Protein backbone atom coordinates (compact mmCIF):
# COMPACT_ATOMS: atom_id res chain seq x y z
CA MET A 1 127.91 10.84 92.99
CA VAL A 2 130.70 13.37 93.43
CA SER A 3 129.51 16.72 92.10
CA LEU A 4 131.53 19.33 90.28
CA HIS A 5 130.81 21.74 93.13
CA HIS A 6 132.44 19.41 95.66
CA ILE A 7 135.52 19.02 93.46
CA ALA A 8 135.79 22.79 93.02
CA GLU A 9 135.36 23.37 96.76
CA LYS A 10 138.07 20.86 97.59
CA TRP A 11 140.47 22.56 95.19
CA ALA A 12 139.52 25.97 96.57
CA ARG A 13 140.25 24.83 100.12
CA THR A 14 143.61 23.51 98.97
CA ILE A 15 144.42 26.88 97.42
CA LEU A 16 143.19 29.02 100.30
CA PHE A 17 144.19 26.95 103.32
CA LYS A 18 147.66 26.39 104.75
CA ALA A 19 149.04 24.31 107.61
CA GLY A 20 149.61 26.01 110.97
CA LEU A 21 152.42 25.35 113.45
CA ASP A 22 150.60 22.33 114.82
CA GLY A 23 150.08 20.89 111.38
CA GLU A 24 146.36 21.74 111.34
CA PRO A 25 144.94 23.58 108.33
CA ARG A 26 144.49 27.32 108.83
CA PRO A 27 142.32 29.41 106.51
CA LYS A 28 144.10 32.26 104.75
CA TYR A 29 140.75 33.89 104.01
CA GLY A 30 137.14 33.76 105.18
CA GLU A 31 134.23 31.63 104.03
CA GLU A 32 133.04 34.34 101.65
CA THR A 33 136.32 34.21 99.74
CA LEU A 34 136.14 30.42 99.76
CA ALA A 35 132.69 30.61 98.16
CA VAL A 36 133.91 33.03 95.48
CA VAL A 37 136.95 30.90 94.59
CA THR A 38 134.82 27.75 94.60
CA TYR A 39 132.33 29.33 92.20
CA GLY A 40 135.12 30.50 89.88
CA LEU A 41 136.73 27.07 89.82
CA GLU A 42 133.37 25.40 89.26
CA VAL A 43 132.63 27.62 86.27
CA ALA A 44 136.12 27.07 84.85
CA LEU A 45 136.05 23.31 85.32
CA GLY A 46 132.55 23.12 83.88
CA ALA A 47 133.52 25.14 80.83
CA LEU A 48 136.64 23.04 80.23
CA GLY A 49 134.64 19.84 80.57
CA GLU A 50 131.98 21.03 78.17
CA VAL A 51 134.51 22.21 75.58
CA ALA A 52 136.38 18.90 75.79
CA ALA A 53 133.14 16.94 75.38
CA VAL A 54 131.97 19.07 72.46
CA VAL A 55 135.31 18.90 70.65
CA GLY A 56 135.62 15.16 71.25
CA ALA A 57 132.08 14.30 70.16
CA GLY A 58 132.24 16.58 67.12
CA ALA A 59 135.54 15.12 65.96
CA LEU A 60 134.45 11.54 66.63
CA LEU A 61 131.20 11.88 64.70
CA LYS A 62 132.81 14.01 61.99
CA VAL A 63 130.53 17.02 62.53
CA PHE A 64 133.13 19.21 64.24
CA PRO A 65 132.58 22.45 62.23
CA GLU A 66 128.81 22.36 62.74
CA VAL A 67 129.03 21.45 66.44
CA MET A 68 131.52 24.22 67.15
CA ALA A 69 129.46 26.78 65.20
CA ALA A 70 126.39 25.89 67.26
CA PHE A 71 128.34 25.81 70.52
CA LEU A 72 129.99 29.22 70.04
CA THR A 73 126.76 30.80 68.81
CA GLN A 74 124.78 29.59 71.81
CA ALA A 75 127.53 30.57 74.25
CA MET A 76 127.68 34.15 72.97
CA TYR A 77 123.91 34.55 72.75
CA ARG A 78 123.37 33.13 76.24
CA LEU A 79 125.66 35.75 77.81
CA GLY A 80 122.87 38.27 77.47
CA SER A 81 119.72 36.21 77.05
CA GLY A 82 120.16 33.74 79.91
CA GLY A 83 117.83 30.78 79.72
CA ALA A 84 116.75 27.53 81.32
CA HIS A 85 119.21 24.79 82.15
CA CYS A 86 119.30 21.55 84.12
CA THR A 87 119.86 21.50 87.88
CA ALA A 88 123.12 19.54 87.85
CA TYR A 89 126.28 19.92 85.80
CA TYR A 90 126.32 16.43 84.35
CA ARG A 91 122.69 16.74 83.26
CA CYS A 92 123.46 20.09 81.62
CA LEU A 93 126.45 18.52 79.89
CA ILE A 94 124.49 15.55 78.56
CA SER A 95 121.51 17.61 77.38
CA SER A 96 123.75 20.26 75.79
CA LEU A 97 125.85 17.67 74.00
CA VAL A 98 122.81 15.85 72.63
CA ALA A 99 121.28 19.15 71.51
CA LEU A 100 124.47 20.23 69.74
CA LEU A 101 124.75 16.91 67.91
CA LEU A 102 121.12 17.14 66.83
CA ILE A 103 121.75 20.69 65.61
CA ALA A 104 124.75 19.49 63.62
CA GLY A 105 122.71 16.70 62.03
CA SER A 106 119.88 19.12 61.20
CA ALA A 107 122.37 21.53 59.65
CA ARG A 108 123.79 18.83 57.40
CA TYR A 109 120.26 17.92 56.30
CA LEU A 110 119.27 21.54 55.64
CA GLU A 111 122.38 22.00 53.52
CA LYS A 112 121.19 19.18 51.26
CA ILE A 113 117.61 20.34 50.79
CA MET A 114 117.93 24.16 50.83
CA PRO A 115 120.14 26.36 48.63
CA ASP A 116 121.91 29.51 49.79
CA TRP A 117 118.79 31.65 49.57
CA GLY A 118 117.30 29.44 52.27
CA ILE A 119 119.99 30.62 54.66
CA ARG A 120 118.97 34.26 54.20
CA GLY A 121 115.26 33.57 54.58
CA LEU A 122 115.68 31.37 57.64
CA THR A 123 118.09 33.83 59.24
CA LEU A 124 115.64 36.71 58.91
CA ALA A 125 112.74 34.59 60.22
CA VAL A 126 114.73 33.36 63.23
CA THR A 127 115.95 36.90 63.95
CA LEU A 128 112.41 38.28 64.01
CA VAL A 129 111.30 35.55 66.40
CA ALA A 130 114.36 36.03 68.59
CA LEU A 131 113.88 39.81 68.78
CA ALA A 132 110.28 39.35 69.92
CA VAL A 133 111.28 36.76 72.53
CA VAL A 134 114.18 38.86 73.85
CA ALA A 135 111.94 41.92 74.13
CA ARG A 136 109.38 39.90 76.10
CA TRP A 137 111.42 37.52 78.29
CA ALA A 138 115.16 38.18 78.20
CA PRO A 139 117.20 38.02 80.26
CA ALA A 140 115.76 34.77 81.61
CA ASP A 141 117.14 33.99 85.04
CA THR A 142 117.12 30.87 87.21
CA PRO A 143 116.74 30.25 90.98
CA ALA A 144 120.51 29.73 91.16
CA ASN A 145 121.22 32.99 89.34
CA PRO A 146 118.37 35.47 89.84
CA ILE A 147 118.54 38.81 88.04
CA THR A 148 116.90 41.33 90.36
CA ASN A 149 118.76 44.51 89.47
CA PRO A 150 116.74 46.51 86.89
CA LEU A 151 119.89 48.11 85.48
CA ARG A 152 121.51 44.71 84.99
CA ARG A 153 118.37 43.40 83.31
CA ARG A 154 118.37 46.29 80.85
CA SER A 155 122.09 45.83 80.15
CA LEU A 156 121.69 42.09 79.47
CA ARG A 157 118.67 42.66 77.24
CA ARG A 158 120.62 45.27 75.31
CA LEU A 159 123.49 42.80 74.97
CA SER A 160 121.07 40.24 73.52
CA PHE A 161 119.81 42.75 70.95
CA LEU A 162 123.39 43.66 70.00
CA PHE A 163 124.28 40.01 69.57
CA LEU A 164 121.28 39.37 67.32
CA ALA A 165 122.07 42.43 65.19
CA GLY A 166 125.71 41.45 64.79
CA TRP A 167 124.94 37.78 64.23
CA THR A 168 122.29 38.49 61.58
CA ASN A 169 124.63 40.73 59.61
CA PHE A 170 127.46 38.21 59.90
CA VAL A 171 125.37 35.34 58.55
CA LEU A 172 123.88 37.38 55.70
CA LEU A 173 127.30 38.67 54.65
CA THR A 174 128.98 35.26 54.73
CA VAL A 175 126.46 33.29 52.67
CA GLY A 176 128.46 31.57 49.94
CA LYS A 177 131.74 32.22 51.76
CA ILE A 178 131.25 29.83 54.67
CA LYS A 179 130.04 26.25 54.33
CA ALA A 180 126.23 26.25 54.32
CA SER A 181 125.94 23.55 57.00
CA VAL A 182 128.03 25.68 59.39
CA LEU A 183 125.71 28.66 58.91
CA TYR A 184 122.64 26.47 59.28
CA ALA A 185 124.07 25.11 62.53
CA SER A 186 124.44 28.64 63.84
CA ILE A 187 120.88 29.52 62.79
CA VAL A 188 119.34 26.48 64.47
CA ALA A 189 121.44 27.19 67.57
CA VAL A 190 119.99 30.69 67.83
CA LEU A 191 116.48 29.30 67.44
CA LEU A 192 117.03 26.67 70.13
CA GLN A 193 118.62 29.14 72.53
CA THR A 194 115.71 31.51 71.95
CA VAL A 195 113.28 28.75 72.96
CA THR A 196 115.11 28.23 76.28
CA VAL A 197 114.34 31.83 77.21
CA THR A 198 110.58 31.28 76.98
CA PRO A 199 108.24 29.64 79.53
CA LEU A 200 107.85 26.74 77.09
CA GLY A 201 111.63 26.31 77.10
CA TYR A 202 111.71 26.19 80.89
CA ARG A 203 109.04 23.48 80.92
CA LEU A 204 110.93 21.44 78.32
CA ILE A 205 114.21 21.70 80.23
CA MET A 206 112.45 20.67 83.45
CA LYS A 207 111.19 17.54 81.70
CA VAL A 208 114.65 16.77 80.35
CA ASP A 209 116.09 17.32 83.83
CA ARG A 210 113.63 14.82 85.33
CA ILE A 211 114.31 12.28 82.60
CA LEU A 212 118.02 12.50 83.37
CA GLY A 213 117.45 11.94 87.07
CA GLY A 214 116.66 15.36 88.46
CA LYS A 215 114.28 15.86 91.36
CA VAL A 216 110.65 16.56 90.60
């Protein structure tokens, strides 16, 4: 199977290499620059693919507002918290898409069974859990992206706390102003993202990765 990394590397070589007088390709820059451009393209292509999949699935299944609320919430929270993910792009895409759709379905169900006061109570409960998890485990790194710099770790943990503070206030202030299912989707997304920061979350993601064809 052609991987996203190979596609990004091919594009990077096309960008950074030019033909010499004999028609043979000549590098404009070194291998280090090639690696940097490849990584940037891989991230960009991956993000575009994920956004397209999320938008398409949400629109097709008519849960677009809830899916986007969960997607944006997780994306912002993950910037500081880090967390477990699958070992290949397509497995990450599949698992993320399934999780977002499940979140959207859960949000629709919660909207039916819980009034607005439930949003406030659940938000505060999830925030308390998330603060404890962030203080203990965030930022959670991976073998592909280790966080070894103490200053960077403190900065990312601080970013996670700032996100949780801002997010909690936003949800509490918009109860009754934004559709309940959208807020519930954001709440469940924070809870799920918090789980991926913990050792339990890493074990669960490893199992999902193996189920989807990852190496043991």
